[in-house]
Protein backbone atom coordinates (compact mmCIF):
# COMPACT_ATOMS: atom_id res chain seq x y z
CA MET A 1 15.61 22.03 -110.05
CA THR A 2 15.81 19.80 -107.00
CA THR A 3 19.00 18.60 -105.37
CA PRO A 4 19.49 14.89 -104.90
CA PRO A 5 19.13 13.62 -101.33
CA GLU A 6 22.34 13.31 -99.36
CA ALA A 7 23.66 9.77 -99.17
CA PRO A 8 23.33 8.20 -95.73
CA ARG A 9 26.49 8.20 -93.67
CA LYS A 10 27.96 4.84 -92.85
CA THR A 11 29.97 4.07 -89.76
CA MET A 12 32.78 1.57 -89.48
CA LEU A 13 33.91 0.43 -86.06
CA PHE A 14 37.26 -1.28 -85.50
CA ASP A 15 38.27 -3.21 -82.43
CA ASP A 16 41.35 -1.75 -80.68
CA ALA A 17 43.23 -5.03 -81.24
CA VAL A 18 42.75 -4.68 -85.01
CA LEU A 19 44.07 -1.11 -84.95
CA GLU A 20 47.06 -2.26 -82.85
CA LYS A 21 47.95 -4.94 -85.40
CA ILE A 22 47.63 -2.54 -88.34
CA ALA A 23 49.79 0.09 -86.62
CA GLY A 24 52.37 -2.51 -85.59
CA LYS A 25 52.71 -3.91 -89.11
CA ALA A 26 52.93 -0.39 -90.56
CA ALA A 27 55.60 0.64 -88.03
CA MET A 28 57.78 -2.33 -88.97
CA ASN A 29 57.89 -1.00 -92.55
CA VAL A 30 59.39 2.32 -91.44
CA PRO A 31 63.13 2.51 -92.17
CA GLY A 32 65.13 2.48 -88.92
CA VAL A 33 62.50 0.72 -86.79
CA LEU A 34 64.24 -2.46 -85.64
CA ALA A 35 61.56 -3.83 -83.31
CA LEU A 36 58.53 -2.90 -81.26
CA GLN A 37 58.93 -3.49 -77.54
CA GLY A 38 56.14 -4.33 -75.15
CA ASN A 39 56.07 -4.68 -71.41
CA LEU A 40 57.57 -7.64 -69.56
CA ILE A 41 54.46 -9.85 -69.95
CA GLU A 42 54.12 -9.07 -73.66
CA ASN A 43 57.82 -9.76 -74.29
CA LEU A 44 57.65 -13.09 -72.43
CA SER A 45 54.48 -14.05 -74.32
CA ASP A 46 56.17 -13.20 -77.63
CA ARG A 47 59.08 -15.53 -76.79
CA LEU A 48 56.73 -18.39 -75.94
CA THR A 49 54.74 -18.09 -79.18
CA ASP A 50 55.74 -17.87 -82.83
CA GLY A 51 56.77 -14.22 -82.34
CA GLU A 52 54.21 -12.97 -84.85
CA GLN A 53 52.34 -10.51 -82.65
CA PRO A 54 52.50 -7.16 -84.44
CA GLN A 55 50.43 -5.50 -81.71
CA ILE A 56 53.23 -5.80 -79.10
CA GLY A 57 54.55 -2.35 -78.25
CA VAL A 58 51.42 -0.63 -79.59
CA ALA A 59 48.70 1.01 -77.51
CA VAL A 60 45.48 2.40 -79.00
CA ASP A 61 43.10 4.92 -77.49
CA ALA A 62 40.03 5.27 -79.73
CA ASN A 63 37.45 7.90 -78.80
CA GLN A 64 34.20 7.41 -80.71
CA GLU A 65 32.62 10.62 -79.45
CA ARG A 66 35.46 12.81 -80.70
CA GLN A 67 36.14 10.50 -83.65
CA THR A 68 39.84 10.30 -82.87
CA VAL A 69 42.43 7.56 -82.52
CA ALA A 70 45.67 7.99 -80.59
CA LEU A 71 48.51 5.52 -81.07
CA GLU A 72 51.47 5.01 -78.75
CA LEU A 73 54.34 2.90 -80.06
CA THR A 74 57.36 1.74 -78.08
CA ALA A 75 60.07 0.97 -80.61
CA LEU A 76 63.74 0.10 -80.81
CA VAL A 77 65.14 2.45 -83.45
CA GLY A 78 68.51 2.23 -85.17
CA LEU A 79 70.01 5.40 -86.57
CA TRP A 80 72.77 5.12 -89.13
């Protein structure tokens, strides 16, 4: 009896900006997270646009070699 050949592995690559937007939108659905805060330039940019920039306050460090993604979020959190 022969074993079937292993299926080829497929790789998906995501741009850091896409990961930032996904993380930002997900963070805003967490109870208690009031807002994500960016640096001065990001905050000014957000005020001058429609304010729909879910990547503000999110930093992504993707390492393809180690196959890891690190997220850093700066958030305003309300506890009650």
